[in-house]
Each structure stands twice: as C-alpha cells, then as structure tokens.
Amino acid sequence: TLVAVIVTRGKVHIVHAGDSRAYQISGSGVRQLTMDHSMVQEMLNRGDITEEEAQYHPHKNIITRALGVQEMINTDYTELPFGQEDTIL
C-alpha cells in the first residue's frame, strides 16, 4: 500500500491506495486523514457492520487496492489545510 504526502504553503497533499493511513497531529488532537481501501471499510461505509464488529472481522486483512496487483491503480487524493505546528504521520 502507499501513502505519499507533500506539505507546502499551508496545505497537505495526500495520495494513497490500500490500508496504510495518514494522520494529522495538532493542538486539537489526532485526526485520521485517509480511509482504508479494504473490504471491512466498505462494509462499514454501507452500514453492514459496526466499528466494534470491524475490529474483529475475519476479513479485516483483505484490501481492495494495492500496488503491483494490476498495471494501473486508482488512488485517492486529499488536500487539506495544514498549520505550522501540525505534524503528519
């Protein structure tokens, strides 16, 4: 999986695929910036399972996007404000 980040001019630019995550750490706390590309995340998004069920789901390791599986891959792009005191993880 992949998370690529560029921080410039007060913004964070993120491209990602798979189940690796990006987090923003600021004075107000920690915020997850990316959403997993996984079977369980899709089930959560549809409302088929709860957050608690997702933690122990037998298919939580199945990702729906990954590098090297196909010649081309769809990635997600996110652009958000990023303060000088913020940290990206």
PDB file of N, CA and C in Angstrom:
ATOM      1  N   THR A   1       0.847  -1.178   0.000  1.00  0.00           N
ATOM      2  CA  THR A   1       0.000   0.000   0.000  1.00  0.00           C
ATOM      3  C   THR A   1       0.890   1.238   0.000  1.00  0.00           C
ATOM      4  N   LEU A   2       0.282   2.402  -0.206  1.00  0.00           N
ATOM      5  CA  LEU A   2       1.071   3.622  -0.387  1.00  0.00           C
ATOM      6  C   LEU A   2       0.367   4.819   0.219  1.00  0.00           C
ATOM      7  N   VAL A   3       1.132   5.659   0.903  1.00  0.00           N
ATOM      8  CA  VAL A   3       0.702   6.994   1.290  1.00  0.00           C
ATOM      9  C   VAL A   3       1.840   7.936   0.918  1.00  0.00           C
ATOM     10  N   ALA A   4       1.560   8.886   0.027  1.00  0.00           N
ATOM     11  CA  ALA A   4       2.553   9.887  -0.370  1.00  0.00           C
ATOM     12  C   ALA A   4       2.024  11.250   0.061  1.00  0.00           C
ATOM     13  N   VAL A   5       2.898  12.040   0.720  1.00  0.00           N
ATOM     14  CA  VAL A   5       2.476  13.311   1.303  1.00  0.00           C
ATOM     15  C   VAL A   5       3.441  14.419   0.908  1.00  0.00           C
ATOM     16  N   ILE A   6       2.876  15.568   0.549  1.00  0.00           N
ATOM     17  CA  ILE A   6       3.648  16.791   0.345  1.00  0.00           C
ATOM     18  C   ILE A   6       2.963  17.885   1.153  1.00  0.00           C
ATOM     19  N   VAL A   7       3.741  18.594   1.953  1.00  0.00           N
ATOM     20  CA  VAL A   7       3.220  19.733   2.703  1.00  0.00           C
ATOM     21  C   VAL A   7       3.865  20.978   2.125  1.00  0.00           C
ATOM     22  N   THR A   8       3.041  21.924   1.670  1.00  0.00           N
ATOM     23  CA  THR A   8       3.548  23.155   1.092  1.00  0.00           C
ATOM     24  C   THR A   8       2.503  24.256   1.199  1.00  0.00           C
ATOM     25  N   ARG A   9       2.970  25.454   1.503  1.00  0.00           N
ATOM     26  CA  ARG A   9       2.127  26.654   1.538  1.00  0.00           C
ATOM     27  C   ARG A   9       0.859  26.476   2.363  1.00  0.00           C
ATOM     28  N   GLY A  10       0.997  25.868   3.524  1.00  0.00           N
ATOM     29  CA  GLY A  10      -0.131  25.745   4.431  1.00  0.00           C
ATOM     30  C   GLY A  10      -1.138  24.669   4.081  1.00  0.00           C
ATOM     31  N   LYS A  11      -0.754  23.778   3.178  1.00  0.00           N
ATOM     32  CA  LYS A  11      -1.650  22.691   2.793  1.00  0.00           C
ATOM     33  C   LYS A  11      -0.901  21.373   2.802  1.00  0.00           C
ATOM     34  N   VAL A  12      -1.631  20.289   3.073  1.00  0.00           N
ATOM     35  CA  VAL A  12      -1.082  18.950   2.954  1.00  0.00           C
ATOM     36  C   VAL A  12      -1.778  18.286   1.767  1.00  0.00           C
ATOM     37  N   HIS A  13      -0.980  17.678   0.899  1.00  0.00           N
ATOM     38  CA  HIS A  13      -1.475  16.963  -0.271  1.00  0.00           C
ATOM     39  C   HIS A  13      -1.158  15.486  -0.058  1.00  0.00           C
ATOM     40  N   ILE A  14      -2.190  14.639  -0.137  1.00  0.00           N
ATOM     41  CA  ILE A  14      -2.011  13.210   0.145  1.00  0.00           C
ATOM     42  C   ILE A  14      -2.568  12.389  -1.012  1.00  0.00           C
ATOM     43  N   VAL A  15      -1.763  11.434  -1.470  1.00  0.00           N
ATOM     44  CA  VAL A  15      -2.212  10.434  -2.436  1.00  0.00           C
ATOM     45  C   VAL A  15      -2.044   9.095  -1.740  1.00  0.00           C
ATOM     46  N   HIS A  16      -3.103   8.264  -1.786  1.00  0.00           N
ATOM     47  CA  HIS A  16      -2.959   6.974  -1.115  1.00  0.00           C
ATOM     48  C   HIS A  16      -3.776   5.880  -1.798  1.00  0.00           C
ATOM     49  N   ALA A  17      -3.332   4.654  -1.559  1.00  0.00           N
ATOM     50  CA  ALA A  17      -4.028   3.454  -2.012  1.00  0.00           C
ATOM     51  C   ALA A  17      -3.719   2.343  -1.018  1.00  0.00           C
ATOM     52  N   GLY A  18      -4.712   1.576  -0.668  1.00  0.00           N
ATOM     53  CA  GLY A  18      -4.522   0.467   0.258  1.00  0.00           C
ATOM     54  C   GLY A  18      -4.966   0.815   1.662  1.00  0.00           C
ATOM     55  N   ASP A  19      -4.362   0.156   2.638  1.00  0.00           N
ATOM     56  CA  ASP A  19      -4.795   0.365   4.015  1.00  0.00           C
ATOM     57  C   ASP A  19      -3.751   1.027   4.897  1.00  0.00           C
ATOM     58  N   SER A  20      -2.742   1.638   4.290  1.00  0.00           N
ATOM     59  CA  SER A  20      -1.840   2.497   5.059  1.00  0.00           C
ATOM     60  C   SER A  20      -2.558   3.819   5.282  1.00  0.00           C
ATOM     61  N   ARG A  21      -2.261   4.486   6.385  1.00  0.00           N
ATOM     62  CA  ARG A  21      -3.019   5.673   6.759  1.00  0.00           C
ATOM     63  C   ARG A  21      -2.135   6.900   6.961  1.00  0.00           C
ATOM     64  N   ALA A  22      -2.753   8.069   6.810  1.00  0.00           N
ATOM     65  CA  ALA A  22      -2.120   9.340   7.157  1.00  0.00           C
ATOM     66  C   ALA A  22      -2.932   9.965   8.281  1.00  0.00           C
ATOM     67  N   TYR A  23      -2.217  10.523   9.267  1.00  0.00           N
ATOM     68  CA  TYR A  23      -2.843  11.196  10.401  1.00  0.00           C
ATOM     69  C   TYR A  23      -2.267  12.597  10.532  1.00  0.00           C
ATOM     70  N   GLN A  24      -3.097  13.538  10.957  1.00  0.00           N
ATOM     71  CA  GLN A  24      -2.665  14.899  11.274  1.00  0.00           C
ATOM     72  C   GLN A  24      -2.688  15.047  12.787  1.00  0.00           C
ATOM     73  N   ILE A  25      -1.559  15.475  13.345  1.00  0.00           N
ATOM     74  CA  ILE A  25      -1.456  15.691  14.779  1.00  0.00           C
ATOM     75  C   ILE A  25      -1.337  17.197  14.996  1.00  0.00           C
ATOM     76  N   SER A  26      -2.279  17.744  15.755  1.00  0.00           N
ATOM     77  CA  SER A  26      -2.291  19.193  16.004  1.00  0.00           C
ATOM     78  C   SER A  26      -2.639  19.443  17.466  1.00  0.00           C
ATOM     79  N   GLY A  27      -2.728  20.690  17.825  1.00  0.00           N
ATOM     80  CA  GLY A  27      -3.079  21.050  19.187  1.00  0.00           C
ATOM     81  C   GLY A  27      -4.450  20.541  19.596  1.00  0.00           C
ATOM     82  N   SER A  28      -5.316  20.294  18.628  1.00  0.00           N
ATOM     83  CA  SER A  28      -6.665  19.810  18.946  1.00  0.00           C
ATOM     84  C   SER A  28      -6.749  18.287  18.971  1.00  0.00           C
ATOM     85  N   GLY A  29      -5.626  17.596  18.702  1.00  0.00           N
ATOM     86  CA  GLY A  29      -5.635  16.136  18.778  1.00  0.00           C
ATOM     87  C   GLY A  29      -5.109  15.468  17.524  1.00  0.00           C
ATOM     88  N   VAL A  30      -5.481  14.203  17.366  1.00  0.00           N
ATOM     89  CA  VAL A  30      -5.050  13.388  16.233  1.00  0.00           C
ATOM     90  C   VAL A  30      -6.264  13.107  15.357  1.00  0.00           C
ATOM     91  N   ARG A  31      -6.090  13.305  14.049  1.00  0.00           N
ATOM     92  CA  ARG A  31      -7.199  13.098  13.108  1.00  0.00           C
ATOM     93  C   ARG A  31      -6.734  12.217  11.962  1.00  0.00           C
ATOM     94  N   GLN A  32      -7.477  11.149  11.684  1.00  0.00           N
ATOM     95  CA  GLN A  32      -7.174  10.281  10.542  1.00  0.00           C
ATOM     96  C   GLN A  32      -7.597  11.001   9.269  1.00  0.00           C
ATOM     97  N   LEU A  33      -6.676  11.097   8.296  1.00  0.00           N
ATOM     98  CA  LEU A  33      -6.931  11.852   7.072  1.00  0.00           C
ATOM     99  C   LEU A  33      -7.308  10.977   5.884  1.00  0.00           C
ATOM    100  N   THR A  34      -6.977   9.701   5.929  1.00  0.00           N
ATOM    101  CA  THR A  34      -7.271   8.797   4.821  1.00  0.00           C
ATOM    102  C   THR A  34      -8.208   7.692   5.275  1.00  0.00           C
ATOM    103  N   MET A  35      -8.892   7.100   4.328  1.00  0.00           N
ATOM    104  CA  MET A  35      -9.796   5.997   4.624  1.00  0.00           C
ATOM    105  C   MET A  35      -9.243   4.733   3.960  1.00  0.00           C
ATOM    106  N   ASP A  36      -9.245   3.635   4.707  1.00  0.00           N
ATOM    107  CA  ASP A  36      -8.719   2.371   4.189  1.00  0.00           C
ATOM    108  C   ASP A  36      -9.465   1.920   2.932  1.00  0.00           C
ATOM    109  N   HIS A  37      -8.730   1.329   2.027  1.00  0.00           N
ATOM    110  CA  HIS A  37      -9.313   0.659   0.869  1.00  0.00           C
ATOM    111  C   HIS A  37      -9.342  -0.826   1.212  1.00  0.00           C
ATOM    112  N   SER A  38     -10.345  -1.202   1.971  1.00  0.00           N
ATOM    113  CA  SER A  38     -10.451  -2.581   2.431  1.00  0.00           C
ATOM    114  C   SER A  38     -11.900  -3.044   2.385  1.00  0.00           C
ATOM    115  N   MET A  39     -12.069  -4.361   2.397  1.00  0.00           N
ATOM    116  CA  MET A  39     -13.403  -4.938   2.389  1.00  0.00           C
ATOM    117  C   MET A  39     -14.181  -4.501   3.630  1.00  0.00           C
ATOM    118  N   VAL A  40     -13.529  -4.522   4.771  1.00  0.00           N
ATOM    119  CA  VAL A  40     -14.201  -4.163   6.021  1.00  0.00           C
ATOM    120  C   VAL A  40     -14.590  -2.682   6.020  1.00  0.00           C
ATOM    121  N   GLN A  41     -13.741  -1.797   5.496  1.00  0.00           N
ATOM    122  CA  GLN A  41     -14.095  -0.374   5.432  1.00  0.00           C
ATOM    123  C   GLN A  41     -15.305  -0.160   4.532  1.00  0.00           C
ATOM    124  N   GLU A  42     -15.368  -0.884   3.418  1.00  0.00           N
ATOM    125  CA  GLU A  42     -16.537  -0.777   2.539  1.00  0.00           C
ATOM    126  C   GLU A  42     -17.800  -1.240   3.255  1.00  0.00           C
ATOM    127  N   MET A  43     -17.688  -2.300   4.062  1.00  0.00           N
ATOM    128  CA  MET A  43     -18.827  -2.795   4.833  1.00  0.00           C
ATOM    129  C   MET A  43     -19.252  -1.757   5.879  1.00  0.00           C
ATOM    130  N   LEU A  44     -18.280  -1.104   6.518  1.00  0.00           N
ATOM    131  CA  LEU A  44     -18.580  -0.034   7.470  1.00  0.00           C
ATOM    132  C   LEU A  44     -19.298   1.119   6.781  1.00  0.00           C
ATOM    133  N   ASN A  45     -18.790   1.521   5.622  1.00  0.00           N
ATOM    134  CA  ASN A  45     -19.375   2.642   4.884  1.00  0.00           C
ATOM    135  C   ASN A  45     -20.824   2.377   4.495  1.00  0.00           C
ATOM    136  N   ARG A  46     -21.134   1.134   4.173  1.00  0.00           N
ATOM    137  CA  ARG A  46     -22.506   0.760   3.790  1.00  0.00           C
ATOM    138  C   ARG A  46     -23.410   0.583   5.007  1.00  0.00           C
ATOM    139  N   GLY A  47     -22.814   0.498   6.198  1.00  0.00           N
ATOM    140  CA  GLY A  47     -23.596   0.269   7.404  1.00  0.00           C
ATOM    141  C   GLY A  47     -23.881  -1.203   7.665  1.00  0.00           C
ATOM    142  N   ASP A  48     -23.161  -2.084   6.982  1.00  0.00           N
ATOM    143  CA  ASP A  48     -23.368  -3.528   7.150  1.00  0.00           C
ATOM    144  C   ASP A  48     -22.821  -4.050   8.476  1.00  0.00           C
ATOM    145  N   ILE A  49     -21.790  -3.382   9.017  1.00  0.00           N
ATOM    146  CA  ILE A  49     -21.186  -3.785  10.284  1.00  0.00           C
ATOM    147  C   ILE A  49     -20.900  -2.545  11.124  1.00  0.00           C
ATOM    148  N   THR A  50     -20.685  -2.753  12.409  1.00  0.00           N
ATOM    149  CA  THR A  50     -20.359  -1.661  13.324  1.00  0.00           C
ATOM    150  C   THR A  50     -18.843  -1.544  13.456  1.00  0.00           C
ATOM    151  N   GLU A  51     -18.387  -0.443  14.083  1.00  0.00           N
ATOM    152  CA  GLU A  51     -16.949  -0.255  14.349  1.00  0.00           C
ATOM    153  C   GLU A  51     -16.411  -1.411  15.185  1.00  0.00           C
ATOM    154  N   GLU A  52     -17.170  -1.848  16.167  1.00  0.00           N
ATOM    155  CA  GLU A  52     -16.729  -2.953  17.018  1.00  0.00           C
ATOM    156  C   GLU A  52     -16.616  -4.249  16.217  1.00  0.00           C
ATOM    157  N   GLU A  53     -17.590  -4.525  15.362  1.00  0.00           N
ATOM    158  CA  GLU A  53     -17.543  -5.733  14.531  1.00  0.00           C
ATOM    159  C   GLU A  53     -16.347  -5.687  13.572  1.00  0.00           C
ATOM    160  N   ALA A  54     -16.015  -4.496  13.091  1.00  0.00           N
ATOM    161  CA  ALA A  54     -14.893  -4.338  12.166  1.00  0.00           C
ATOM    162  C   ALA A  54     -13.569  -4.730  12.816  1.00  0.00           C
ATOM    163  N   GLN A  55     -13.412  -4.431  14.091  1.00  0.00           N
ATOM    164  CA  GLN A  55     -12.160  -4.734  14.786  1.00  0.00           C
ATOM    165  C   GLN A  55     -11.842  -6.221  14.784  1.00  0.00           C
ATOM    166  N   TYR A  56     -12.858  -7.051  14.791  1.00  0.00           N
ATOM    167  CA  TYR A  56     -12.645  -8.495  14.903  1.00  0.00           C
ATOM    168  C   TYR A  56     -13.146  -9.269  13.686  1.00  0.00           C
ATOM    169  N   HIS A  57     -13.443  -8.559  12.611  1.00  0.00           N
ATOM    170  CA  HIS A  57     -13.990  -9.217  11.428  1.00  0.00           C
ATOM    171  C   HIS A  57     -12.957 -10.169  10.824  1.00  0.00           C
ATOM    172  N   PRO A  58     -13.382 -11.374  10.403  1.00  0.00           N
ATOM    173  CA  PRO A  58     -12.430 -12.356   9.869  1.00  0.00           C
ATOM    174  C   PRO A  58     -11.776 -11.928   8.551  1.00  0.00           C
ATOM    175  N   HIS A  59     -12.343 -10.943   7.858  1.00  0.00           N
ATOM    176  CA  HIS A  59     -11.775 -10.493   6.581  1.00  0.00           C
ATOM    177  C   HIS A  59     -11.144  -9.107   6.680  1.00  0.00           C
ATOM    178  N   LYS A  60     -10.750  -8.703   7.881  1.00  0.00           N
ATOM    179  CA  LYS A  60     -10.214  -7.349   8.051  1.00  0.00           C
ATOM    180  C   LYS A  60      -8.873  -7.153   7.345  1.00  0.00           C
ATOM    181  N   ASN A  61      -8.250  -8.216   6.922  1.00  0.00           N
ATOM    182  CA  ASN A  61      -6.954  -8.114   6.233  1.00  0.00           C
ATOM    183  C   ASN A  61      -7.082  -8.054   4.711  1.00  0.00           C
ATOM    184  N   ILE A  62      -8.295  -8.075   4.172  1.00  0.00           N
ATOM    185  CA  ILE A  62      -8.473  -8.053   2.718  1.00  0.00           C
ATOM    186  C   ILE A  62      -8.552  -6.607   2.238  1.00  0.00           C
ATOM    187  N   ILE A  63      -7.553  -6.181   1.452  1.00  0.00           N
ATOM    188  CA  ILE A  63      -7.556  -4.829   0.910  1.00  0.00           C
ATOM    189  C   ILE A  63      -8.087  -4.849  -0.518  1.00  0.00           C
ATOM    190  N   THR A  64      -8.690  -3.757  -0.935  1.00  0.00           N
ATOM    191  CA  THR A  64      -9.320  -3.688  -2.249  1.00  0.00           C
ATOM    192  C   THR A  64      -8.483  -2.922  -3.274  1.00  0.00           C
ATOM    193  N   ARG A  65      -7.444  -2.252  -2.810  1.00  0.00           N
ATOM    194  CA  ARG A  65      -6.497  -1.576  -3.711  1.00  0.00           C
ATOM    195  C   ARG A  65      -5.093  -1.813  -3.189  1.00  0.00           C
ATOM    196  N   ALA A  66      -4.199  -2.175  -4.090  1.00  0.00           N
ATOM    197  CA  ALA A  66      -2.811  -2.412  -3.692  1.00  0.00           C
ATOM    198  C   ALA A  66      -1.900  -2.213  -4.890  1.00  0.00           C
ATOM    199  N   LEU A  67      -0.681  -1.782  -4.638  1.00  0.00           N
ATOM    200  CA  LEU A  67       0.309  -1.612  -5.696  1.00  0.00           C
ATOM    201  C   LEU A  67       0.799  -2.970  -6.163  1.00  0.00           C
ATOM    202  N   GLY A  68       1.025  -3.087  -7.462  1.00  0.00           N
ATOM    203  CA  GLY A  68       1.626  -4.292  -8.009  1.00  0.00           C
ATOM    204  C   GLY A  68       0.660  -5.392  -8.385  1.00  0.00           C
ATOM    205  N   VAL A  69      -0.629  -5.227  -8.092  1.00  0.00           N
ATOM    206  CA  VAL A  69      -1.609  -6.251  -8.431  1.00  0.00           C
ATOM    207  C   VAL A  69      -2.051  -6.090  -9.884  1.00  0.00           C
ATOM    208  N   GLN A  70      -2.284  -4.859 -10.288  1.00  0.00           N
ATOM    209  CA  GLN A  70      -2.676  -4.535 -11.650  1.00  0.00           C
ATOM    210  C   GLN A  70      -1.721  -3.483 -12.195  1.00  0.00           C
ATOM    211  N   GLU A  71      -1.703  -3.348 -13.512  1.00  0.00           N
ATOM    212  CA  GLU A  71      -0.806  -2.365 -14.130  1.00  0.00           C
ATOM    213  C   GLU A  71      -1.164  -0.943 -13.710  1.00  0.00           C
ATOM    214  N   MET A  72      -2.446  -0.642 -13.607  1.00  0.00           N
ATOM    215  CA  MET A  72      -2.918   0.682 -13.201  1.00  0.00           C
ATOM    216  C   MET A  72      -3.703   0.540 -11.899  1.00  0.00           C
ATOM    217  N   ILE A  73      -3.659   1.585 -11.074  1.00  0.00           N
ATOM    218  CA  ILE A  73      -4.395   1.576  -9.812  1.00  0.00           C
ATOM    219  C   ILE A  73      -5.044   2.934  -9.597  1.00  0.00           C
ATOM    220  N   ASN A  74      -6.248   2.924  -9.043  1.00  0.00           N
ATOM    221  CA  ASN A  74      -6.918   4.169  -8.671  1.00  0.00           C
ATOM    222  C   ASN A  74      -6.420   4.587  -7.292  1.00  0.00           C
ATOM    223  N   THR A  75      -6.030   5.830  -7.170  1.00  0.00           N
ATOM    224  CA  THR A  75      -5.606   6.377  -5.884  1.00  0.00           C
ATOM    225  C   THR A  75      -6.595   7.450  -5.458  1.00  0.00           C
ATOM    226  N   ASP A  76      -6.608   7.755  -4.184  1.00  0.00           N
ATOM    227  CA  ASP A  76      -7.404   8.864  -3.667  1.00  0.00           C
ATOM    228  C   ASP A  76      -6.473  10.040  -3.414  1.00  0.00           C
ATOM    229  N   TYR A  77      -6.975  11.242  -3.691  1.00  0.00           N
ATOM    230  CA  TYR A  77      -6.209  12.469  -3.461  1.00  0.00           C
ATOM    231  C   TYR A  77      -6.969  13.326  -2.460  1.00  0.00           C
ATOM    232  N   THR A  78      -6.259  13.832  -1.467  1.00  0.00           N
ATOM    233  CA  THR A  78      -6.840  14.706  -0.459  1.00  0.00           C
ATOM    234  C   THR A  78      -5.950  15.933  -0.302  1.00  0.00           C
ATOM    235  N   GLU A  79      -6.583  17.091  -0.231  1.00  0.00           N
ATOM    236  CA  GLU A  79      -5.869  18.348   0.026  1.00  0.00           C
ATOM    237  C   GLU A  79      -6.571  19.048   1.180  1.00  0.00           C
ATOM    238  N   LEU A  80      -5.798  19.351   2.231  1.00  0.00           N
ATOM    239  CA  LEU A  80      -6.377  19.947   3.436  1.00  0.00           C
ATOM    240  C   LEU A  80      -5.469  21.048   3.977  1.00  0.00           C
ATOM    241  N   PRO A  81      -6.036  21.984   4.761  1.00  0.00           N
ATOM    242  CA  PRO A  81      -5.201  22.984   5.433  1.00  0.00           C
ATOM    243  C   PRO A  81      -4.253  22.300   6.419  1.00  0.00           C
ATOM    244  N   PHE A  82      -3.062  22.874   6.576  1.00  0.00           N
ATOM    245  CA  PHE A  82      -2.056  22.274   7.451  1.00  0.00           C
ATOM    246  C   PHE A  82      -1.311  23.391   8.153  1.00  0.00           C
ATOM    247  N   GLY A  83      -1.441  23.458   9.488  1.00  0.00           N
ATOM    248  CA  GLY A  83      -0.817  24.521  10.272  1.00  0.00           C
ATOM    249  C   GLY A  83       0.668  24.304  10.483  1.00  0.00           C
ATOM    250  N   GLN A  84       1.388  25.380  10.800  1.00  0.00           N
ATOM    251  CA  GLN A  84       2.833  25.309  11.006  1.00  0.00           C
ATOM    252  C   GLN A  84       3.204  24.418  12.183  1.00  0.00           C
ATOM    253  N   GLU A  85       2.338  24.318  13.168  1.00  0.00           N
ATOM    254  CA  GLU A  85       2.612  23.493  14.344  1.00  0.00           C
ATOM    255  C   GLU A  85       2.115  22.054  14.178  1.00  0.00           C
ATOM    256  N   ASP A  86       1.450  21.753  13.059  1.00  0.00           N
ATOM    257  CA  ASP A  86       0.911  20.415  12.828  1.00  0.00           C
ATOM    258  C   ASP A  86       2.010  19.438  12.437  1.00  0.00           C
ATOM    259  N   THR A  87       1.726  18.165  12.656  1.00  0.00           N
ATOM    260  CA  THR A  87       2.635  17.083  12.268  1.00  0.00           C
ATOM    261  C   THR A  87       1.844  16.074  11.457  1.00  0.00           C
ATOM    262  N   ILE A  88       2.486  15.471  10.481  1.00  0.00           N
ATOM    263  CA  ILE A  88       1.849  14.418   9.682  1.00  0.00           C
ATOM    264  C   ILE A  88       2.508  13.086  10.038  1.00  0.00           C
ATOM    265  N   LEU A  89       1.686  12.094  10.192  1.00  0.00           N
ATOM    266  CA  LEU A  89       2.172  10.754  10.495  1.00  0.00           C
ATOM    267  C   LEU A  89       1.592   9.803   9.472  1.00  0.00           C
TER     268      LEU A  89
END
